[in-house]
Amino acid sequence: APVNIAELTDLLIQQNHIGSVIKQTDVSEDSDDDVDED
């Protein structure tokens, strides 16, 4: 769809008093899975 997703992403980040992201907790450095902690 013709939507400027880069600008939309920027706007969501700018208003960081609203919204959340979910991440995996306690990603071990020795983990066999290739998981980025971020």
Full PDB file with SEQRES, HELIX, SHEET, SSBOND, CRYST1, ORIGX, SCALE, CONECT and MASTER records, all heavy atoms in Angstrom:
SEQRES   1 A   38  ALA PRO VAL ASN ILE ALA GLU LEU THR ASP LEU LEU ILE          
SEQRES   2 A   38  GLN GLN ASN HIS ILE GLY SER VAL ILE LYS GLN THR ASP          
SEQRES   3 A   38  VAL SER GLU ASP SER ASP ASP ASP VAL ASP GLU ASP              
HELIX    1 AA1 ILE A    5  GLN A   14  1                                  10    
CRYST1    1.000    1.000    1.000  90.00  90.00  90.00 P 1           1          
ORIGX1      1.000000  0.000000  0.000000        0.00000                         
ORIGX2      0.000000  1.000000  0.000000        0.00000                         
ORIGX3      0.000000  0.000000  1.000000        0.00000                         
SCALE1      1.000000  0.000000  0.000000        0.00000                         
SCALE2      0.000000  1.000000  0.000000        0.00000                         
SCALE3      0.000000  0.000000  1.000000        0.00000                         
ATOM      1  N   ALA A   1       0.844  -1.205   0.000  1.00  0.00           N  
ATOM      2  CA  ALA A   1       0.000   0.000   0.000  1.00  0.00           C  
ATOM      3  C   ALA A   1       0.877   1.252   0.000  1.00  0.00           C  
ATOM      4  O   ALA A   1       1.953   1.269   0.613  1.00  0.00           O  
ATOM      5  CB  ALA A   1      -0.913  -0.003   1.221  1.00  0.00           C  
ATOM      6  N   PRO A   2       0.434   2.312  -0.675  1.00  0.00           N  
ATOM      7  CA  PRO A   2       1.222   3.554  -0.761  1.00  0.00           C  
ATOM      8  C   PRO A   2       1.183   4.361   0.529  1.00  0.00           C  
ATOM      9  O   PRO A   2       0.541   5.411   0.614  1.00  0.00           O  
ATOM     10  CB  PRO A   2       0.556   4.302  -1.922  1.00  0.00           C  
ATOM     11  CG  PRO A   2      -0.873   3.834  -1.889  1.00  0.00           C  
ATOM     12  CD  PRO A   2      -0.818   2.397  -1.455  1.00  0.00           C  
ATOM     13  N   VAL A   3       1.862   3.867   1.543  1.00  0.00           N  
ATOM     14  CA  VAL A   3       1.948   4.545   2.840  1.00  0.00           C  
ATOM     15  C   VAL A   3       3.416   4.698   3.201  1.00  0.00           C  
ATOM     16  O   VAL A   3       4.190   3.734   3.098  1.00  0.00           O  
ATOM     17  CB  VAL A   3       1.211   3.746   3.941  1.00  0.00           C  
ATOM     18  CG1 VAL A   3       1.435   4.392   5.313  1.00  0.00           C  
ATOM     19  CG2 VAL A   3      -0.276   3.648   3.633  1.00  0.00           C  
ATOM     20  N   ASN A   4       3.798   5.886   3.621  1.00  0.00           N  
ATOM     21  CA  ASN A   4       5.177   6.169   4.003  1.00  0.00           C  
ATOM     22  C   ASN A   4       5.436   5.526   5.367  1.00  0.00           C  
ATOM     23  O   ASN A   4       5.272   6.155   6.415  1.00  0.00           O  
ATOM     24  CB  ASN A   4       5.416   7.677   4.048  1.00  0.00           C  
ATOM     25  CG  ASN A   4       6.882   8.031   4.258  1.00  0.00           C  
ATOM     26  OD1 ASN A   4       7.665   7.223   4.758  1.00  0.00           O  
ATOM     27  ND2 ASN A   4       7.257   9.234   3.873  1.00  0.00           N  
ATOM     28  N   ILE A   5       5.863   4.271   5.343  1.00  0.00           N  
ATOM     29  CA  ILE A   5       6.052   3.512   6.572  1.00  0.00           C  
ATOM     30  C   ILE A   5       7.229   4.053   7.386  1.00  0.00           C  
ATOM     31  O   ILE A   5       7.213   4.014   8.620  1.00  0.00           O  
ATOM     32  CB  ILE A   5       6.241   2.024   6.249  1.00  0.00           C  
ATOM     33  CG1 ILE A   5       4.950   1.463   5.648  1.00  0.00           C  
ATOM     34  CG2 ILE A   5       6.621   1.225   7.488  1.00  0.00           C  
ATOM     35  CD1 ILE A   5       5.046   0.033   5.203  1.00  0.00           C  
ATOM     36  N   ALA A   6       8.241   4.563   6.707  1.00  0.00           N  
ATOM     37  CA  ALA A   6       9.401   5.122   7.428  1.00  0.00           C  
ATOM     38  C   ALA A   6       8.962   6.316   8.273  1.00  0.00           C  
ATOM     39  O   ALA A   6       9.344   6.444   9.452  1.00  0.00           O  
ATOM     40  CB  ALA A   6      10.478   5.538   6.432  1.00  0.00           C  
ATOM     41  N   GLU A   7       8.145   7.196   7.703  1.00  0.00           N  
ATOM     42  CA  GLU A   7       7.656   8.353   8.464  1.00  0.00           C  
ATOM     43  C   GLU A   7       6.743   7.904   9.594  1.00  0.00           C  
ATOM     44  O   GLU A   7       6.825   8.434  10.711  1.00  0.00           O  
ATOM     45  CB  GLU A   7       6.900   9.308   7.531  1.00  0.00           C  
ATOM     46  CG  GLU A   7       6.392  10.554   8.256  1.00  0.00           C  
ATOM     47  CD  GLU A   7       5.492  11.408   7.389  1.00  0.00           C  
ATOM     48  OE1 GLU A   7       4.642  10.841   6.666  1.00  0.00           O  
ATOM     49  OE2 GLU A   7       5.617  12.650   7.441  1.00  0.00           O  
ATOM     50  N   LEU A   8       5.886   6.945   9.321  1.00  0.00           N  
ATOM     51  CA  LEU A   8       4.985   6.436  10.357  1.00  0.00           C  
ATOM     52  C   LEU A   8       5.778   5.864  11.526  1.00  0.00           C  
ATOM     53  O   LEU A   8       5.459   6.119  12.693  1.00  0.00           O  
ATOM     54  CB  LEU A   8       4.065   5.369   9.749  1.00  0.00           C  
ATOM     55  CG  LEU A   8       3.118   4.638  10.700  1.00  0.00           C  
ATOM     56  CD1 LEU A   8       2.255   5.611  11.484  1.00  0.00           C  
ATOM     57  CD2 LEU A   8       2.253   3.644   9.923  1.00  0.00           C  
ATOM     58  N   THR A   9       6.821   5.111  11.221  1.00  0.00           N  
ATOM     59  CA  THR A   9       7.671   4.545  12.274  1.00  0.00           C  
ATOM     60  C   THR A   9       8.314   5.654  13.094  1.00  0.00           C  
ATOM     61  O   THR A   9       8.369   5.583  14.335  1.00  0.00           O  
ATOM     62  CB  THR A   9       8.750   3.644  11.661  1.00  0.00           C  
ATOM     63  OG1 THR A   9       8.140   2.649  10.844  1.00  0.00           O  
ATOM     64  CG2 THR A   9       9.562   2.957  12.748  1.00  0.00           C  
ATOM     65  N   ASP A  10       8.806   6.676  12.427  1.00  0.00           N  
ATOM     66  CA  ASP A  10       9.421   7.810  13.135  1.00  0.00           C  
ATOM     67  C   ASP A  10       8.433   8.480  14.085  1.00  0.00           C  
ATOM     68  O   ASP A  10       8.786   8.831  15.221  1.00  0.00           O  
ATOM     69  CB  ASP A  10       9.942   8.835  12.128  1.00  0.00           C  
ATOM     70  CG  ASP A  10      11.256   8.414  11.488  1.00  0.00           C  
ATOM     71  OD1 ASP A  10      12.015   7.655  12.122  1.00  0.00           O  
ATOM     72  OD2 ASP A  10      11.524   8.838  10.346  1.00  0.00           O  
ATOM     73  N   LEU A  11       7.199   8.678  13.629  1.00  0.00           N  
ATOM     74  CA  LEU A  11       6.195   9.334  14.472  1.00  0.00           C  
ATOM     75  C   LEU A  11       5.882   8.507  15.712  1.00  0.00           C  
ATOM     76  O   LEU A  11       5.725   9.054  16.811  1.00  0.00           O  
ATOM     77  CB  LEU A  11       4.913   9.580  13.667  1.00  0.00           C  
ATOM     78  CG  LEU A  11       4.995  10.628  12.542  1.00  0.00           C  
ATOM     79  CD1 LEU A  11       3.665  10.721  11.803  1.00  0.00           C  
ATOM     80  CD2 LEU A  11       5.382  11.996  13.099  1.00  0.00           C  
ATOM     81  N   LEU A  12       5.810   7.193  15.551  1.00  0.00           N  
ATOM     82  CA  LEU A  12       5.527   6.328  16.701  1.00  0.00           C  
ATOM     83  C   LEU A  12       6.673   6.365  17.713  1.00  0.00           C  
ATOM     84  O   LEU A  12       6.441   6.308  18.926  1.00  0.00           O  
ATOM     85  CB  LEU A  12       5.285   4.894  16.227  1.00  0.00           C  
ATOM     86  CG  LEU A  12       4.061   4.666  15.333  1.00  0.00           C  
ATOM     87  CD1 LEU A  12       3.991   3.208  14.883  1.00  0.00           C  
ATOM     88  CD2 LEU A  12       2.772   5.064  16.042  1.00  0.00           C  
ATOM     89  N   ILE A  13       7.888   6.480  17.225  1.00  0.00           N  
ATOM     90  CA  ILE A  13       9.049   6.539  18.119  1.00  0.00           C  
ATOM     91  C   ILE A  13       9.114   7.888  18.828  1.00  0.00           C  
ATOM     92  O   ILE A  13       9.454   7.965  20.019  1.00  0.00           O  
ATOM     93  CB  ILE A  13      10.343   6.276  17.324  1.00  0.00           C  
ATOM     94  CG1 ILE A  13      10.395   4.810  16.868  1.00  0.00           C  
ATOM     95  CG2 ILE A  13      11.583   6.601  18.162  1.00  0.00           C  
ATOM     96  CD1 ILE A  13      11.557   4.479  15.958  1.00  0.00           C  
ATOM     97  N   GLN A  14       8.769   8.964  18.128  1.00  0.00           N  
ATOM     98  CA  GLN A  14       8.817  10.304  18.717  1.00  0.00           C  
ATOM     99  C   GLN A  14       7.876  10.434  19.910  1.00  0.00           C  
ATOM    100  O   GLN A  14       8.205  11.096  20.897  1.00  0.00           O  
ATOM    101  CB  GLN A  14       8.456  11.347  17.656  1.00  0.00           C  
ATOM    102  CG  GLN A  14       9.526  11.544  16.586  1.00  0.00           C  
ATOM    103  CD  GLN A  14       9.041  12.422  15.444  1.00  0.00           C  
ATOM    104  OE1 GLN A  14       8.030  13.132  15.565  1.00  0.00           O  
ATOM    105  NE2 GLN A  14       9.741  12.372  14.322  1.00  0.00           N  
ATOM    106  N   GLN A  15       6.706   9.814  19.836  1.00  0.00           N  
ATOM    107  CA  GLN A  15       5.731   9.915  20.933  1.00  0.00           C  
ATOM    108  C   GLN A  15       5.900   8.721  21.867  1.00  0.00           C  
ATOM    109  O   GLN A  15       4.975   7.952  22.097  1.00  0.00           O  
ATOM    110  CB  GLN A  15       4.308   9.980  20.366  1.00  0.00           C  
ATOM    111  CG  GLN A  15       3.978   8.802  19.453  1.00  0.00           C  
ATOM    112  CD  GLN A  15       2.542   8.826  18.970  1.00  0.00           C  
ATOM    113  OE1 GLN A  15       1.987   9.874  18.676  1.00  0.00           O  
ATOM    114  NE2 GLN A  15       1.921   7.654  18.898  1.00  0.00           N  
ATOM    115  N   ASN A  16       7.091   8.584  22.438  1.00  0.00           N  
ATOM    116  CA  ASN A  16       7.401   7.376  23.213  1.00  0.00           C  
ATOM    117  C   ASN A  16       6.730   7.339  24.585  1.00  0.00           C  
ATOM    118  O   ASN A  16       6.968   6.406  25.359  1.00  0.00           O  
ATOM    119  CB  ASN A  16       8.910   7.192  23.351  1.00  0.00           C  
ATOM    120  CG  ASN A  16       9.580   8.369  24.035  1.00  0.00           C  
ATOM    121  OD1 ASN A  16       8.911   9.295  24.474  1.00  0.00           O  
ATOM    122  ND2 ASN A  16      10.895   8.337  24.101  1.00  0.00           N  
ATOM    123  N   HIS A  17       5.907   8.343  24.899  1.00  0.00           N  
ATOM    124  CA  HIS A  17       5.111   8.240  26.126  1.00  0.00           C  
ATOM    125  C   HIS A  17       3.881   7.357  25.892  1.00  0.00           C  
ATOM    126  O   HIS A  17       3.151   7.030  26.831  1.00  0.00           O  
ATOM    127  CB  HIS A  17       4.668   9.629  26.599  1.00  0.00           C  
ATOM    128  CG  HIS A  17       3.728  10.332  25.658  1.00  0.00           C  
ATOM    129  ND1 HIS A  17       4.134  10.826  24.438  1.00  0.00           N  
ATOM    130  CD2 HIS A  17       2.396  10.603  25.745  1.00  0.00           C  
ATOM    131  CE1 HIS A  17       3.105  11.380  23.816  1.00  0.00           C  
ATOM    132  NE2 HIS A  17       2.045  11.250  24.598  1.00  0.00           N  
ATOM    133  N   ILE A  18       3.691   6.974  24.626  1.00  0.00           N  
ATOM    134  CA  ILE A  18       2.582   6.097  24.257  1.00  0.00           C  
ATOM    135  C   ILE A  18       3.147   4.864  23.559  1.00  0.00           C  
ATOM    136  O   ILE A  18       3.977   4.967  22.663  1.00  0.00           O  
ATOM    137  CB  ILE A  18       1.610   6.818  23.284  1.00  0.00           C  
ATOM    138  CG1 ILE A  18       0.933   7.997  23.961  1.00  0.00           C  
ATOM    139  CG2 ILE A  18       0.568   5.840  22.738  1.00  0.00           C  
ATOM    140  CD1 ILE A  18      -0.028   7.611  25.062  1.00  0.00           C  
ATOM    141  N   GLY A  19       2.695   3.691  23.968  1.00  0.00           N  
ATOM    142  CA  GLY A  19       3.047   2.479  23.251  1.00  0.00           C  
ATOM    143  C   GLY A  19       4.153   1.662  23.898  1.00  0.00           C  
ATOM    144  O   GLY A  19       4.943   2.151  24.710  1.00  0.00           O  
ATOM    145  N   SER A  20       4.224   0.403  23.502  1.00  0.00           N  
ATOM    146  CA  SER A  20       5.206  -0.538  24.039  1.00  0.00           C  
ATOM    147  C   SER A  20       5.659  -1.494  22.947  1.00  0.00           C  
ATOM    148  O   SER A  20       4.947  -1.715  21.955  1.00  0.00           O  
ATOM    149  CB  SER A  20       4.599  -1.369  25.181  1.00  0.00           C  
ATOM    150  OG  SER A  20       4.020  -0.557  26.176  1.00  0.00           O  
ATOM    151  N   VAL A  21       6.842  -2.056  23.151  1.00  0.00           N  
ATOM    152  CA  VAL A  21       7.317  -3.151  22.311  1.00  0.00           C  
ATOM    153  C   VAL A  21       7.520  -4.366  23.207  1.00  0.00           C  
ATOM    154  O   VAL A  21       7.766  -4.225  24.410  1.00  0.00           O  
ATOM    155  CB  VAL A  21       8.644  -2.808  21.591  1.00  0.00           C  
ATOM    156  CG1 VAL A  21       8.445  -1.701  20.580  1.00  0.00           C  
ATOM    157  CG2 VAL A  21       9.731  -2.434  22.585  1.00  0.00           C  
ATOM    158  N   ILE A  22       7.399  -5.546  22.637  1.00  0.00           N  
ATOM    159  CA  ILE A  22       7.647  -6.763  23.419  1.00  0.00           C  
ATOM    160  C   ILE A  22       8.902  -7.433  22.891  1.00  0.00           C  
ATOM    161  O   ILE A  22       9.118  -7.547  21.684  1.00  0.00           O  
ATOM    162  CB  ILE A  22       6.453  -7.740  23.394  1.00  0.00           C  
ATOM    163  CG1 ILE A  22       5.999  -8.042  21.961  1.00  0.00           C  
ATOM    164  CG2 ILE A  22       5.311  -7.210  24.213  1.00  0.00           C  
ATOM    165  CD1 ILE A  22       4.914  -9.082  21.888  1.00  0.00           C  
ATOM    166  N   LYS A  23       9.741  -7.840  23.840  1.00  0.00           N  
ATOM    167  CA  LYS A  23      11.003  -8.499  23.525  1.00  0.00           C  
ATOM    168  C   LYS A  23      11.152  -9.730  24.392  1.00  0.00           C  
ATOM    169  O   LYS A  23      10.535  -9.846  25.453  1.00  0.00           O  
ATOM    170  CB  LYS A  23      12.187  -7.551  23.768  1.00  0.00           C  
ATOM    171  CG  LYS A  23      12.132  -6.259  22.958  1.00  0.00           C  
ATOM    172  CD  LYS A  23      13.337  -5.369  23.243  1.00  0.00           C  
ATOM    173  CE  LYS A  23      13.258  -4.064  22.475  1.00  0.00           C  
ATOM    174  NZ  LYS A  23      14.442  -3.195  22.725  1.00  0.00           N  
ATOM    175  N   GLN A  24      11.994 -10.632  23.939  1.00  0.00           N  
ATOM    176  CA  GLN A  24      12.298 -11.819  24.729  1.00  0.00           C  
ATOM    177  C   GLN A  24      13.212 -11.414  25.877  1.00  0.00           C  
ATOM    178  O   GLN A  24      14.178 -10.688  25.696  1.00  0.00           O  
ATOM    179  CB  GLN A  24      12.962 -12.878  23.857  1.00  0.00           C  
ATOM    180  CG  GLN A  24      13.227 -14.189  24.562  1.00  0.00           C  
ATOM    181  CD  GLN A  24      13.770 -15.255  23.632  1.00  0.00           C  
ATOM    182  OE1 GLN A  24      13.616 -15.154  22.424  1.00  0.00           O  
ATOM    183  NE2 GLN A  24      14.411 -16.259  24.190  1.00  0.00           N  
ATOM    184  N   THR A  25      12.897 -11.889  27.069  1.00  0.00           N  
ATOM    185  CA  THR A  25      13.690 -11.514  28.239  1.00  0.00           C  
ATOM    186  C   THR A  25      14.842 -12.480  28.452  1.00  0.00           C  
ATOM    187  O   THR A  25      14.771 -13.657  28.090  1.00  0.00           O  
ATOM    188  CB  THR A  25      12.824 -11.504  29.508  1.00  0.00           C  
ATOM    189  OG1 THR A  25      12.263 -12.807  29.690  1.00  0.00           O  
ATOM    190  CG2 THR A  25      11.715 -10.494  29.388  1.00  0.00           C  
ATOM    191  N   ASP A  26      15.891 -11.958  29.062  1.00  0.00           N  
ATOM    192  CA  ASP A  26      17.038 -12.768  29.482  1.00  0.00           C  
ATOM    193  C   ASP A  26      17.562 -13.665  28.369  1.00  0.00           C  
ATOM    194  O   ASP A  26      17.644 -14.888  28.504  1.00  0.00           O  
ATOM    195  CB  ASP A  26      16.667 -13.646  30.689  1.00  0.00           C  
ATOM    196  CG  ASP A  26      16.226 -12.819  31.877  1.00  0.00           C  
ATOM    197  OD1 ASP A  26      16.750 -11.704  32.030  1.00  0.00           O  
ATOM    198  OD2 ASP A  26      15.354 -13.284  32.633  1.00  0.00           O  
ATOM    199  N   VAL A  27      17.907 -13.041  27.248  1.00  0.00           N  
ATOM    200  CA  VAL A  27      18.510 -13.799  26.154  1.00  0.00           C  
ATOM    201  C   VAL A  27      19.947 -14.110  26.527  1.00  0.00           C  
ATOM    202  O   VAL A  27      20.776 -13.210  26.674  1.00  0.00           O  
ATOM    203  CB  VAL A  27      18.467 -12.999  24.830  1.00  0.00           C  
ATOM    204  CG1 VAL A  27      19.140 -13.796  23.713  1.00  0.00           C  
ATOM    205  CG2 VAL A  27      17.029 -12.687  24.464  1.00  0.00           C  
ATOM    206  N   SER A  28      20.261 -15.377  26.720  1.00  0.00           N  
ATOM    207  CA  SER A  28      21.598 -15.780  27.157  1.00  0.00           C  
ATOM    208  C   SER A  28      22.598 -15.664  26.015  1.00  0.00           C  
ATOM    209  O   SER A  28      22.295 -15.955  24.862  1.00  0.00           O  
ATOM    210  CB  SER A  28      21.574 -17.225  27.667  1.00  0.00           C  
ATOM    211  OG  SER A  28      22.874 -17.692  27.917  1.00  0.00           O  
ATOM    212  N   GLU A  29      23.798 -15.219  26.357  1.00  0.00           N  
ATOM    213  CA  GLU A  29      24.861 -15.147  25.352  1.00  0.00           C  
ATOM    214  C   GLU A  29      25.251 -16.532  24.861  1.00  0.00           C  
ATOM    215  O   GLU A  29      25.784 -16.697  23.766  1.00  0.00           O  
ATOM    216  CB  GLU A  29      26.093 -14.440  25.937  1.00  0.00           C  
ATOM    217  CG  GLU A  29      25.843 -12.979  26.272  1.00  0.00           C  
ATOM    218  CD  GLU A  29      27.089 -12.311  26.826  1.00  0.00           C  
ATOM    219  OE1 GLU A  29      28.110 -13.021  26.972  1.00  0.00           O  
ATOM    220  OE2 GLU A  29      27.045 -11.096  27.106  1.00  0.00           O  
ATOM    221  N   ASP A  30      24.990 -17.554  25.697  1.00  0.00           N  
ATOM    222  CA  ASP A  30      25.347 -18.925  25.336  1.00  0.00           C  
ATOM    223  C   ASP A  30      24.200 -19.661  24.655  1.00  0.00           C  
ATOM    224  O   ASP A  30      24.282 -20.850  24.391  1.00  0.00           O  
ATOM    225  CB  ASP A  30      25.761 -19.711  26.589  1.00  0.00           C  
ATOM    226  CG  ASP A  30      26.969 -19.093  27.274  1.00  0.00           C  
ATOM    227  OD1 ASP A  30      27.814 -18.524  26.553  1.00  0.00           O  
ATOM    228  OD2 ASP A  30      27.059 -19.185  28.510  1.00  0.00           O  
ATOM    229  N   SER A  31      23.108 -18.929  24.388  1.00  0.00           N  
ATOM    230  CA  SER A  31      21.943 -19.571  23.788  1.00  0.00           C  
ATOM    231  C   SER A  31      22.264 -20.127  22.412  1.00  0.00           C  
ATOM    232  O   SER A  31      22.987 -19.529  21.628  1.00  0.00           O  
ATOM    233  CB  SER A  31      20.787 -18.561  23.683  1.00  0.00           C  
ATOM    234  OG  SER A  31      19.704 -19.122  22.988  1.00  0.00           O  
ATOM    235  N   ASP A  32      21.700 -21.322  22.144  1.00  0.00           N  
ATOM    236  CA  ASP A  32      21.895 -21.932  20.832  1.00  0.00           C  
ATOM    237  C   ASP A  32      21.111 -21.197  19.756  1.00  0.00           C  
ATOM    238  O   ASP A  32      21.438 -21.249  18.580  1.00  0.00           O  
ATOM    239  CB  ASP A  32      21.449 -23.410  20.853  1.00  0.00           C  
ATOM    240  CG  ASP A  32      22.362 -24.250  21.730  1.00  0.00           C  
ATOM    241  OD1 ASP A  32      23.530 -23.853  21.900  1.00  0.00           O  
ATOM    242  OD2 ASP A  32      21.904 -25.290  22.233  1.00  0.00           O  
ATOM    243  N   ASP A  33      20.032 -20.516  20.159  1.00  0.00           N  
ATOM    244  CA  ASP A  33      19.201 -19.802  19.192  1.00  0.00           C  
ATOM    245  C   ASP A  33      19.846 -18.482  18.829  1.00  0.00           C  
ATOM    246  O   ASP A  33      20.381 -17.770  19.674  1.00  0.00           O  
ATOM    247  CB  ASP A  33      17.806 -19.544  19.770  1.00  0.00           C  
ATOM    248  CG  ASP A  33      17.071 -20.846  20.031  1.00  0.00           C  
ATOM    249  OD1 ASP A  33      17.302 -21.799  19.261  1.00  0.00           O  
ATOM    250  OD2 ASP A  33      16.287 -20.900  20.994  1.00  0.00           O  
ATOM    251  N   ASP A  34      19.769 -18.156  17.559  1.00  0.00           N  
ATOM    252  CA  ASP A  34      20.333 -16.896  17.070  1.00  0.00           C  
ATOM    253  C   ASP A  34      19.317 -15.785  17.292  1.00  0.00           C  
ATOM    254  O   ASP A  34      18.587 -15.383  16.382  1.00  0.00           O  
ATOM    255  CB  ASP A  34      20.679 -17.037  15.587  1.00  0.00           C  
ATOM    256  CG  ASP A  34      21.396 -15.796  15.050  1.00  0.00           C  
ATOM    257  OD1 ASP A  34      21.888 -15.013  15.876  1.00  0.00           O  
ATOM    258  OD2 ASP A  34      21.445 -15.632  13.814  1.00  0.00           O  
ATOM    259  N   VAL A  35      19.230 -15.294  18.539  1.00  0.00           N  
ATOM    260  CA  VAL A  35      18.235 -14.304  18.919  1.00  0.00           C  
ATOM    261  C   VAL A  35      18.926 -13.009  19.317  1.00  0.00           C  
ATOM    262  O   VAL A  35      19.792 -12.996  20.185  1.00  0.00           O  
ATOM    263  CB  VAL A  35      17.358 -14.810  20.096  1.00  0.00           C  
ATOM    264  CG1 VAL A  35      16.346 -13.747  20.493  1.00  0.00           C  
ATOM    265  CG2 VAL A  35      16.648 -16.100  19.706  1.00  0.00           C  
ATOM    266  N   ASP A  36      18.531 -11.925  18.690  1.00  0.00           N  
ATOM    267  CA  ASP A  36      19.038 -10.605  19.029  1.00  0.00           C  
ATOM    268  C   ASP A  36      18.256 -10.091  20.231  1.00  0.00           C  
ATOM    269  O   ASP A  36      17.022 -10.088  20.230  1.00  0.00           O  
ATOM    270  CB  ASP A  36      18.851  -9.679  17.821  1.00  0.00           C  
ATOM    271  CG  ASP A  36      19.384  -8.275  18.073  1.00  0.00           C  
ATOM    272  OD1 ASP A  36      19.830  -7.996  19.210  1.00  0.00           O  
ATOM    273  OD2 ASP A  36      19.346  -7.457  17.141  1.00  0.00           O  
ATOM    274  N   GLU A  37      18.962  -9.676  21.278  1.00  0.00           N  
ATOM    275  CA  GLU A  37      18.276  -9.228  22.489  1.00  0.00           C  
ATOM    276  C   GLU A  37      17.423  -7.998  22.244  1.00  0.00           C  
ATOM    277  O   GLU A  37      16.505  -7.704  23.017  1.00  0.00           O  
ATOM    278  CB  GLU A  37      19.287  -8.949  23.606  1.00  0.00           C  
ATOM    279  CG  GLU A  37      20.269  -7.840  23.291  1.00  0.00           C  
ATOM    280  CD  GLU A  37      21.246  -7.611  24.418  1.00  0.00           C  
ATOM    281  OE1 GLU A  37      21.230  -8.401  25.392  1.00  0.00           O  
ATOM    282  OE2 GLU A  37      22.017  -6.651  24.340  1.00  0.00           O  
ATOM    283  N   ASP A  38      17.686  -7.249  21.165  1.00  0.00           N  
ATOM    284  CA  ASP A  38      16.886  -6.074  20.838  1.00  0.00           C  
ATOM    285  C   ASP A  38      15.789  -6.372  19.830  1.00  0.00           C  
ATOM    286  O   ASP A  38      15.036  -5.482  19.436  1.00  0.00           O  
ATOM    287  CB  ASP A  38      17.785  -4.953  20.275  1.00  0.00           C  
ATOM    288  CG  ASP A  38      18.639  -4.310  21.360  1.00  0.00           C  
ATOM    289  OD1 ASP A  38      18.161  -4.227  22.505  1.00  0.00           O  
ATOM    290  OD2 ASP A  38      19.773  -3.912  21.063  1.00  0.00           O  
TER     291      ASP A  38                                                      
MASTER        0    0    0    1    0    0    0    6  290    1    0    3          
END                                                                             
